[in-house]
Amino acid sequence: MDARFTELLTPFLKFLGEQEITPEASLRELGLDSMQAIELLFAIEDAFGVTLADDDMNDDTFATAGSLWTVVRAALDAQHATDGTQVTAA
């Protein structure tokens, strides 16, 4: 996962404490609720300059940090494919 992504997630996870955000981290257990998920979606789109597909906005996508990152990464890859920009996020 990209460091910018984990930094972006942190303020939305009120129960994170000193834990590290791992791909397996349950976003719901760490405090992400449905209203915050919408705010997080907008923050991700702004920070990464992508638009996430409506079909991807579901409970499975927001289940873990890794599942959300997979959707973000796919949007970044799709953007790269269409505009030729370099994607450096891992």
Protein backbone atom coordinates (compact mmCIF):
# COMPACT_ATOMS: atom_id res chain seq x y z
CA MET A 1 0.00 0.00 0.00
CA ASP A 2 1.07 3.54 -0.71
CA ALA A 3 2.23 5.66 2.25
CA ARG A 4 -0.05 8.51 1.12
CA PHE A 5 -2.97 6.08 1.27
CA THR A 6 -2.26 4.98 4.83
CA GLU A 7 -1.73 8.60 5.92
CA LEU A 8 -5.07 9.48 4.34
CA LEU A 9 -6.82 6.62 6.16
CA THR A 10 -5.44 7.41 9.61
CA PRO A 11 -7.78 10.28 10.62
CA PHE A 12 -10.83 8.17 9.70
CA LEU A 13 -9.83 5.30 12.01
CA LYS A 14 -10.68 6.49 15.53
CA PHE A 15 -9.75 3.15 17.14
CA LEU A 16 -6.39 2.81 15.38
CA GLY A 17 -4.31 4.05 18.32
CA GLU A 18 -0.67 3.15 17.85
CA GLN A 19 -1.42 0.24 15.51
CA GLU A 20 0.06 0.11 12.04
CA ILE A 21 -2.39 0.01 9.15
CA THR A 22 -1.88 -3.33 7.44
CA PRO A 23 -3.70 -4.69 4.37
CA GLU A 24 -5.67 -7.00 6.69
CA ALA A 25 -6.79 -4.16 9.01
CA SER A 26 -10.59 -4.13 9.32
CA LEU A 27 -11.72 -0.59 8.59
CA ARG A 28 -15.02 -1.08 10.45
CA GLU A 29 -13.31 -2.45 13.56
CA LEU A 30 -10.94 0.51 13.49
CA GLY A 31 -13.88 2.93 13.53
CA LEU A 32 -14.80 3.73 9.92
CA ASP A 33 -18.55 4.23 9.66
CA SER A 34 -20.69 4.71 6.55
CA MET A 35 -20.67 8.51 6.69
CA GLN A 36 -16.90 8.58 7.08
CA ALA A 37 -16.57 6.12 4.20
CA ILE A 38 -18.18 8.71 1.92
CA GLU A 39 -15.81 11.41 3.19
CA LEU A 40 -12.89 9.01 2.75
CA LEU A 41 -13.98 8.28 -0.80
CA PHE A 42 -13.89 11.99 -1.67
CA ALA A 43 -10.52 12.41 0.06
CA ILE A 44 -9.06 9.49 -1.91
CA GLU A 45 -10.38 10.82 -5.20
CA ASP A 46 -8.94 14.27 -4.46
CA ALA A 47 -5.57 13.01 -3.20
CA PHE A 48 -4.97 10.54 -6.01
CA GLY A 49 -6.78 12.35 -8.83
CA VAL A 50 -8.96 9.37 -9.67
CA THR A 51 -12.65 8.59 -9.78
CA LEU A 52 -13.68 5.34 -8.16
CA ALA A 53 -16.45 3.43 -9.91
CA ASP A 54 -19.85 3.39 -8.22
CA ASP A 55 -19.87 -0.41 -8.54
CA ASP A 56 -16.79 -0.52 -6.29
CA MET A 57 -18.45 1.40 -3.48
CA ASN A 58 -19.69 -1.49 -1.36
CA ASP A 59 -19.04 -3.24 1.95
CA ASP A 60 -16.46 -5.57 0.38
CA THR A 61 -14.38 -2.66 -0.85
CA PHE A 62 -14.41 -0.97 2.55
CA ALA A 63 -13.87 -4.21 4.51
CA THR A 64 -10.11 -3.88 4.92
CA ALA A 65 -7.38 -1.40 4.10
CA GLY A 66 -6.09 -3.86 1.52
CA SER A 67 -9.43 -4.28 -0.23
CA LEU A 68 -9.84 -0.51 -0.47
CA TRP A 69 -6.27 -0.10 -1.70
CA THR A 70 -6.92 -2.73 -4.41
CA VAL A 71 -9.74 -0.58 -5.80
CA VAL A 72 -7.66 2.61 -5.58
CA ARG A 73 -4.71 0.91 -7.25
CA ALA A 74 -6.95 -0.38 -10.07
CA ALA A 75 -8.22 3.17 -10.64
CA LEU A 76 -4.63 4.46 -10.71
CA ASP A 77 -3.64 1.73 -13.18
CA ALA A 78 -6.65 2.51 -15.39
CA GLN A 79 -5.76 6.20 -15.35
CA HIS A 80 -2.18 5.34 -16.27
CA ALA A 81 -3.38 3.22 -19.16
CA THR A 82 -5.51 6.03 -20.58
CA ASP A 83 -3.29 9.05 -20.05
CA GLY A 84 0.18 7.53 -20.13
CA THR A 85 1.25 8.89 -16.74
CA GLN A 86 3.61 6.91 -14.55
CA VAL A 87 2.14 5.24 -11.46
CA THR A 88 4.74 4.90 -8.70
CA ALA A 89 2.55 3.73 -5.82
CA ALA A 90 3.23 0.15 -4.70
